[in-house]
Protein backbone atom coordinates (compact mmCIF):
# COMPACT_ATOMS: atom_id res chain seq x y z
CA MET A 1 -3.21 -44.85 12.78
CA GLN A 2 -0.42 -45.05 15.38
CA LEU A 3 1.36 -42.02 16.83
CA GLY A 4 3.76 -41.25 19.65
CA MET A 5 2.96 -38.15 21.76
CA ILE A 6 5.67 -36.61 23.93
CA GLY A 7 4.52 -33.89 26.32
CA LEU A 8 1.20 -34.18 28.13
CA GLY A 9 0.58 -30.62 29.23
CA ARG A 10 -2.74 -28.87 28.60
CA MET A 11 -2.65 -29.24 24.83
CA GLY A 12 -0.68 -32.46 24.48
CA ALA A 13 -3.04 -34.30 26.79
CA ASN A 14 -6.18 -33.02 25.07
CA MET A 15 -4.79 -33.75 21.61
CA THR A 16 -4.12 -37.32 22.77
CA ARG A 17 -7.70 -37.58 24.02
CA ARG A 18 -9.08 -36.29 20.74
CA LEU A 19 -6.99 -38.78 18.75
CA THR A 20 -7.88 -41.79 20.89
CA ARG A 21 -11.56 -40.88 20.69
CA ASP A 22 -11.19 -41.04 16.91
CA GLY A 23 -9.73 -44.54 17.12
CA HIS A 24 -6.02 -43.78 16.71
CA ALA A 25 -3.44 -45.72 18.74
CA VAL A 26 -1.45 -43.14 20.69
CA THR A 27 1.57 -44.04 22.81
CA VAL A 28 2.39 -41.29 25.30
CA PHE A 29 5.43 -40.21 27.29
CA ASP A 30 5.94 -37.34 29.71
CA LEU A 31 8.46 -36.51 32.42
CA SER A 32 5.50 -36.79 34.80
CA ALA A 33 4.65 -40.47 35.29
CA GLU A 34 1.32 -39.39 36.77
CA ARG A 35 0.29 -37.73 33.51
CA VAL A 36 1.22 -40.87 31.60
CA ARG A 37 -0.91 -42.99 33.96
CA GLU A 38 -3.83 -40.56 33.59
CA LEU A 39 -3.83 -40.76 29.78
CA ALA A 40 -3.27 -44.51 29.83
CA ALA A 41 -6.39 -44.85 31.97
CA GLU A 42 -8.28 -42.96 29.24
CA GLY A 43 -7.22 -45.23 26.39
CA ALA A 44 -3.68 -44.23 25.41
CA ASN A 45 -0.68 -46.56 25.64
CA GLY A 46 1.68 -45.43 28.38
CA ALA A 47 5.47 -45.46 27.92
CA ALA A 48 7.92 -45.27 30.81
CA SER A 49 10.77 -43.92 28.66
CA LEU A 50 11.63 -42.69 25.18
CA ASP A 51 12.96 -46.15 24.37
CA ASP A 52 9.65 -47.69 25.39
CA LEU A 53 7.75 -45.22 23.23
CA VAL A 54 9.89 -45.83 20.15
CA HIS A 55 9.75 -49.62 20.55
CA ALA A 56 5.96 -49.50 20.86
CA LEU A 57 5.63 -47.91 17.41
CA LYS A 58 5.93 -49.81 14.15
CA PRO A 59 8.03 -48.24 11.35
CA PRO A 60 7.55 -45.85 9.77
CA ARG A 61 7.08 -44.13 13.11
CA ALA A 62 5.63 -40.69 13.75
CA VAL A 63 6.37 -38.93 17.04
CA TRP A 64 4.62 -35.67 17.92
CA LEU A 65 6.37 -33.27 20.33
CA MET A 66 4.23 -30.97 22.51
CA VAL A 67 6.93 -29.59 24.80
CA PRO A 68 7.91 -25.96 25.45
CA ALA A 69 9.62 -24.23 22.54
CA GLY A 70 13.32 -23.50 22.66
CA GLU A 71 15.78 -25.62 24.63
CA PRO A 72 13.25 -28.25 25.84
CA THR A 73 12.22 -29.00 22.23
CA GLU A 74 15.83 -28.92 21.05
CA GLN A 75 16.84 -31.37 23.76
CA MET A 76 13.95 -33.71 22.98
CA VAL A 77 14.74 -33.74 19.25
CA ASN A 78 18.38 -34.52 20.05
CA GLU A 79 17.41 -37.37 22.40
CA LEU A 80 14.84 -38.81 20.03
CA THR A 81 16.88 -38.68 16.81
CA PRO A 82 19.34 -41.55 17.52
CA ARG A 83 16.42 -43.76 18.54
CA LEU A 84 14.67 -43.36 15.17
CA GLN A 85 15.49 -44.67 11.70
CA ALA A 86 15.13 -43.61 8.08
CA GLY A 87 11.50 -43.12 7.13
CA ASP A 88 10.40 -42.03 10.61
CA THR A 89 8.96 -38.57 11.24
CA ILE A 90 9.37 -36.06 14.06
CA ILE A 91 6.46 -33.62 14.35
CA ASP A 92 6.91 -30.42 16.36
CA GLY A 93 3.52 -29.04 17.35
CA GLY A 94 4.80 -26.38 19.77
CA ASN A 95 5.49 -22.70 19.20
CA THR A 96 8.95 -23.13 17.69
CA HIS A 97 10.72 -20.38 15.77
CA TYR A 98 10.52 -21.29 12.08
CA LYS A 99 14.27 -20.82 11.56
CA ASP A 100 14.89 -23.63 14.07
CA ASP A 101 12.61 -25.84 11.96
CA VAL A 102 14.65 -25.15 8.84
CA ARG A 103 17.87 -26.00 10.67
CA ARG A 104 16.48 -29.20 12.21
CA ALA A 105 15.03 -30.43 8.94
CA ARG A 106 18.40 -29.92 7.26
CA THR A 107 20.21 -31.74 10.09
CA LEU A 108 17.84 -34.73 10.02
CA GLU A 109 17.78 -35.08 6.22
CA PRO A 110 21.01 -37.13 5.92
CA ARG A 111 19.57 -39.65 8.38
CA GLY A 112 16.39 -40.02 6.33
CA ILE A 113 14.27 -38.76 9.22
CA GLN A 114 11.44 -36.47 8.16
CA TYR A 115 10.74 -33.28 10.12
CA VAL A 116 7.26 -31.72 10.16
CA ASP A 117 6.34 -28.47 11.90
CA VAL A 118 2.72 -27.88 12.90
CA GLY A 119 1.52 -24.53 14.16
CA THR A 120 -1.32 -25.53 16.47
CA SER A 121 -4.09 -23.18 17.60
CA GLY A 122 -7.01 -24.11 19.80
CA GLY A 123 -5.81 -23.82 23.36
CA LEU A 124 -7.90 -25.35 26.13
CA TRP A 125 -10.93 -25.64 23.85
CA GLY A 126 -9.34 -27.77 21.15
CA LEU A 127 -10.47 -31.06 22.67
CA ASP A 128 -14.07 -30.34 21.70
CA ARG A 129 -13.71 -27.63 19.02
CA GLY A 130 -10.72 -29.13 17.25
CA TYR A 131 -7.37 -27.51 16.46
CA SER A 132 -6.46 -25.22 13.60
CA LEU A 133 -3.30 -26.74 12.12
CA MET A 134 -0.74 -24.93 9.95
CA ILE A 135 1.68 -27.54 8.59
CA GLY A 136 5.16 -27.40 7.05
CA GLY A 137 7.55 -30.10 5.87
CA PRO A 138 7.90 -32.75 3.14
CA ARG A 139 4.59 -33.24 1.35
CA ALA A 140 4.85 -37.03 1.16
CA SER A 141 5.23 -37.37 4.91
CA ILE A 142 2.39 -34.93 5.54
CA ASP A 143 0.10 -36.83 3.17
CA ARG A 144 0.86 -40.05 5.07
CA LEU A 145 -0.09 -38.34 8.34
CA ASP A 146 -3.33 -36.90 6.95
CA PRO A 147 -5.58 -39.10 9.16
CA ILE A 148 -3.89 -37.63 12.26
CA PHE A 149 -4.33 -34.05 11.10
CA ALA A 150 -7.91 -34.68 10.04
CA ALA A 151 -8.76 -36.11 13.48
CA LEU A 152 -7.23 -33.16 15.34
CA ALA A 153 -8.74 -30.47 13.12
CA PRO A 154 -12.32 -29.19 13.56
CA GLY A 155 -13.54 -30.84 10.35
CA ASN A 156 -17.10 -29.96 9.43
CA ASP A 157 -17.73 -27.61 12.35
CA GLY A 158 -20.76 -25.84 10.93
CA THR A 159 -18.88 -22.75 9.73
CA PRO A 160 -20.60 -21.55 6.54
CA PRO A 161 -18.44 -22.00 3.42
CA THR A 162 -16.72 -18.89 2.13
CA PRO A 163 -18.45 -17.61 -1.03
CA GLY A 164 -16.22 -18.16 -4.04
CA ARG A 165 -14.41 -21.19 -2.63
CA GLU A 166 -16.88 -23.76 -3.94
CA HIS A 167 -14.43 -25.23 -6.46
CA ARG A 168 -11.14 -24.81 -4.58
CA GLY A 169 -11.18 -28.05 -2.62
CA GLY A 170 -8.35 -28.83 -0.22
CA THR A 171 -8.35 -29.14 3.55
CA ALA A 172 -8.38 -25.48 4.66
CA ALA A 173 -12.15 -25.50 5.19
CA ARG A 174 -11.69 -28.47 7.52
CA GLY A 175 -9.20 -26.60 9.67
CA TYR A 176 -5.78 -27.85 8.56
CA LEU A 177 -3.46 -26.77 5.76
CA PHE A 178 -0.16 -27.74 4.16
CA CYS A 179 1.63 -24.38 4.04
CA GLY A 180 4.96 -25.30 2.43
CA PRO A 181 8.41 -26.75 3.25
CA ALA A 182 10.09 -26.92 6.65
CA GLY A 183 9.28 -23.90 8.82
CA ALA A 184 6.29 -22.79 6.76
CA GLY A 185 3.75 -24.06 9.28
CA HIS A 186 5.34 -22.28 12.20
CA PHE A 187 5.84 -19.14 10.12
CA VAL A 188 2.09 -18.97 9.46
CA LYS A 189 1.34 -19.70 13.13
CA MET A 190 3.80 -16.97 14.15
CA VAL A 191 1.93 -14.39 12.09
CA HIS A 192 -1.38 -15.81 13.37
CA ASN A 193 -0.24 -15.07 16.92
CA GLY A 194 1.02 -11.64 15.96
CA ILE A 195 -2.46 -10.83 14.60
CA GLU A 196 -3.94 -12.29 17.79
CA TYR A 197 -1.94 -9.75 19.81
CA GLY A 198 -3.39 -6.90 17.76
CA LEU A 199 -6.98 -8.12 17.97
CA MET A 200 -6.75 -8.66 21.72
CA GLN A 201 -5.24 -5.22 22.23
CA ALA A 202 -8.06 -3.57 20.27
CA TYR A 203 -10.71 -5.25 22.43
CA ALA A 204 -8.78 -4.41 25.60
CA GLU A 205 -8.46 -0.73 24.76
CA GLY A 206 -12.09 -0.48 23.71
CA PHE A 207 -13.39 -1.94 26.96
CA ASP A 208 -11.03 0.33 28.89
CA ILE A 209 -12.64 3.37 27.21
CA LEU A 210 -16.10 2.06 28.06
CA ARG A 211 -15.16 1.46 31.70
CA THR A 212 -13.64 4.91 32.21
CA ALA A 213 -16.60 6.71 30.59
CA ALA A 214 -17.94 7.35 34.12
CA ASN A 215 -14.81 9.18 35.25
CA GLY A 216 -15.14 12.51 36.96
CA SER A 217 -12.94 14.12 34.31
CA ARG A 218 -15.87 13.93 31.87
CA PRO A 219 -18.77 16.41 31.88
CA GLU A 220 -21.46 15.14 34.24
CA ALA A 221 -24.03 14.78 31.46
CA GLU A 222 -21.59 12.56 29.54
CA ARG A 223 -20.65 10.21 32.34
CA TYR A 224 -21.88 6.78 31.34
CA ARG A 225 -21.85 3.74 33.60
CA PHE A 226 -21.86 0.85 31.21
CA ASP A 227 -22.47 -2.81 31.99
CA LEU A 228 -19.46 -4.23 30.19
CA ALA A 229 -20.71 -7.81 30.35
CA ASP A 230 -23.91 -6.78 28.57
CA ILE A 231 -22.00 -4.78 25.95
CA ALA A 232 -19.74 -7.74 25.24
CA GLU A 233 -22.83 -9.91 24.93
CA VAL A 234 -24.72 -7.62 22.56
CA TRP A 235 -21.66 -7.36 20.32
CA ARG A 236 -21.63 -11.16 20.05
CA HIS A 237 -24.94 -11.05 18.17
CA GLY A 238 -24.79 -9.54 14.70
CA SER A 239 -21.88 -7.15 15.25
CA VAL A 240 -19.01 -6.87 12.78
CA VAL A 241 -16.54 -7.14 15.71
CA GLY A 242 -17.88 -10.53 16.78
CA SER A 243 -15.24 -13.26 17.22
CA TRP A 244 -14.22 -16.12 19.47
CA LEU A 245 -11.98 -13.72 21.40
CA LEU A 246 -15.04 -11.58 22.06
CA ASP A 247 -16.93 -14.70 23.18
CA LEU A 248 -14.20 -15.38 25.73
CA THR A 249 -14.18 -11.75 26.87
CA ALA A 250 -17.94 -11.86 27.38
CA MET A 251 -17.54 -15.05 29.40
CA ALA A 252 -14.84 -13.51 31.61
CA LEU A 253 -16.88 -10.34 32.23
CA ALA A 254 -20.00 -12.35 33.05
CA GLU A 255 -18.03 -14.28 35.66
CA ASP A 256 -16.26 -11.25 37.14
CA PRO A 257 -17.32 -7.79 35.85
CA GLU A 258 -14.34 -6.08 37.52
CA LEU A 259 -11.87 -8.82 36.50
CA ALA A 260 -10.63 -8.61 40.07
CA ALA A 261 -8.76 -11.90 39.73
CA PHE A 262 -6.40 -10.36 37.15
CA SER A 263 -3.61 -7.91 37.90
CA GLY A 264 -3.10 -6.88 34.28
CA VAL A 265 0.42 -8.30 33.89
CA VAL A 266 0.43 -9.63 30.30
CA GLN A 267 3.22 -11.92 29.13
CA ASP A 268 4.23 -12.54 25.53
CA SER A 269 5.08 -16.06 24.45
CA GLY A 270 7.58 -15.17 21.73
CA GLU A 271 5.60 -15.30 18.50
CA GLY A 272 4.70 -11.61 18.68
CA ARG A 273 8.36 -10.66 18.83
CA TRP A 274 9.22 -13.05 16.00
CA THR A 275 6.45 -11.59 13.85
CA ILE A 276 7.90 -8.10 14.29
CA GLU A 277 11.39 -9.43 13.49
CA ALA A 278 10.10 -11.04 10.28
CA ALA A 279 8.35 -7.79 9.35
CA ILE A 280 11.63 -5.91 9.80
CA GLU A 281 13.50 -8.46 7.67
CA GLN A 282 10.87 -8.10 4.94
CA ALA A 283 10.44 -4.31 5.31
CA VAL A 284 6.70 -4.68 6.02
CA PRO A 285 5.08 -1.94 8.18
CA VAL A 286 3.21 -3.50 11.13
CA ASP A 287 2.17 -0.52 13.22
CA VAL A 288 -0.69 -2.24 15.07
CA LEU A 289 1.15 -5.50 15.75
CA ALA A 290 4.23 -3.69 17.05
CA ALA A 291 2.14 -1.43 19.29
CA SER A 292 0.29 -4.41 20.74
CA LEU A 293 3.59 -6.10 21.61
CA PHE A 294 4.91 -2.95 23.28
CA ALA A 295 1.66 -2.65 25.24
CA ARG A 296 2.39 -6.04 26.76
CA PHE A 297 5.84 -4.85 27.78
CA ARG A 298 4.30 -1.78 29.43
CA SER A 299 1.73 -3.90 31.27
CA ARG A 300 4.52 -5.24 33.45
CA GLN A 301 5.09 -1.78 34.90
CA ASP A 302 1.61 -0.31 35.49
CA HIS A 303 -1.74 -1.88 34.78
CA THR A 304 -4.99 -0.70 33.23
CA PHE A 305 -8.40 -2.35 33.07
CA GLY A 306 -7.64 -3.05 29.43
CA GLU A 307 -4.68 -5.16 30.49
CA LYS A 308 -6.96 -7.10 32.83
CA VAL A 309 -9.15 -7.79 29.78
CA LEU A 310 -6.05 -9.07 27.94
CA SER A 311 -5.11 -11.29 30.86
CA ALA A 312 -8.66 -12.63 31.08
CA MET A 313 -8.69 -13.52 27.37
CA ARG A 314 -5.35 -15.32 27.59
CA HIS A 315 -6.57 -17.28 30.59
CA LYS A 316 -9.79 -18.25 28.84
CA PHE A 317 -8.34 -19.53 25.56
CA GLY A 318 -5.04 -20.93 26.73
CA GLY A 319 -5.14 -21.33 30.49
CA HIS A 320 -2.29 -18.81 30.77
CA VAL A 321 -1.70 -17.84 34.39
CA GLU A 322 -0.37 -14.41 35.21
CA ARG A 323 3.21 -14.24 36.39
CA PRO A 324 4.66 -11.39 38.48
CA SER A 325 6.11 -8.59 36.38
CA GLY A 326 9.63 -9.66 37.31
CA GLY A 327 8.94 -13.29 36.28
C-alpha cells in the first residue's frame, strides 16, 4: 500500500523503515533534506516538497504526520489541506490533544478529507518491537488503512493470549485498535501516558528508598547497601512488578549504577497534564497520576536519585534528552 510520511524524526524514520520492510511504498518529506536522502537510500521515495509528496501518491491518498504536537502539526495540516482532494486522508500520529483532533476533523469534513488520529507508543524500540496504535476517526477510512496499521503494530509478538478473550476477535491482540470517532485514539493515548507517569514514578521512588537504605540516619544494623542493578534484574524474573519499564530501568542501572549521566530534571510532554484536565472535567479522582505529574514539576528545582531513574527510563524508551530546568 502507498503512504506519505511527513516528519522523519526518531519515530517517523523508524516507522517508515518498518513499513518499507513490509513492502509498502512510502514517500517521505522532512524539512531536513538529509533525512529524506537517508530514508530514500533505505528504500523510501524521497520528496523535495509537499507538492512532490502529494503528486507522488495516487488518490485516494493517505498522508501520515509525525511532527511535534501543537503549532507544528497545525501548520502542517493547514499547508497540506489545500493540496489534497475529497477521499484523501490525513493521519496524525503525534501526541496531539484530542480536542484539536475533533476540531480538525470537523473543519476538513466539508472538503471530503478524512482525518484519522493515531496515538502511537513504542518509542525508539518500535522499529523491531512494533508500535501500539490507538486509532480514532471514520471507520471506513481506518478499515482501508488496515494494512498500514497491521504492518506498524507488533502483530503476533509472542505475548500469551489473555484468558477469556478466545472468542472476542478483533485487532487488539495484534497491537492496534479502533477506539472510536475523531479524537478517540489520542484520548486513549493521553490516558496511556498519564498511567505511564504513575508507573515510572512508583519505580523511581522505590529505587530511591533502596539506594538510601545505607544512610547514616538509619540504625547501623539496618543499613543495607543494595546492588540496584541486581535488584532490578531479579524483579524482571517472576515478579509481579515486572514490565518493559522495569526492563529499561535494569538496562540503565547495568550500564551506570549511579546514573551519573542524568541530572534528574524530568520534563513532561503534555499528555500527563491533559490526563489530569480530563479527570477534572469528568470528576474522576486521580491521586497517583496527579502526584506523578507534580513530582516532575518538582524535579526541575531539586533532584533525587529517583528522578535520575525517571530520566534514565525516558531516555531508554524514547531517546528523551534532559533539558536544563529553565528550558
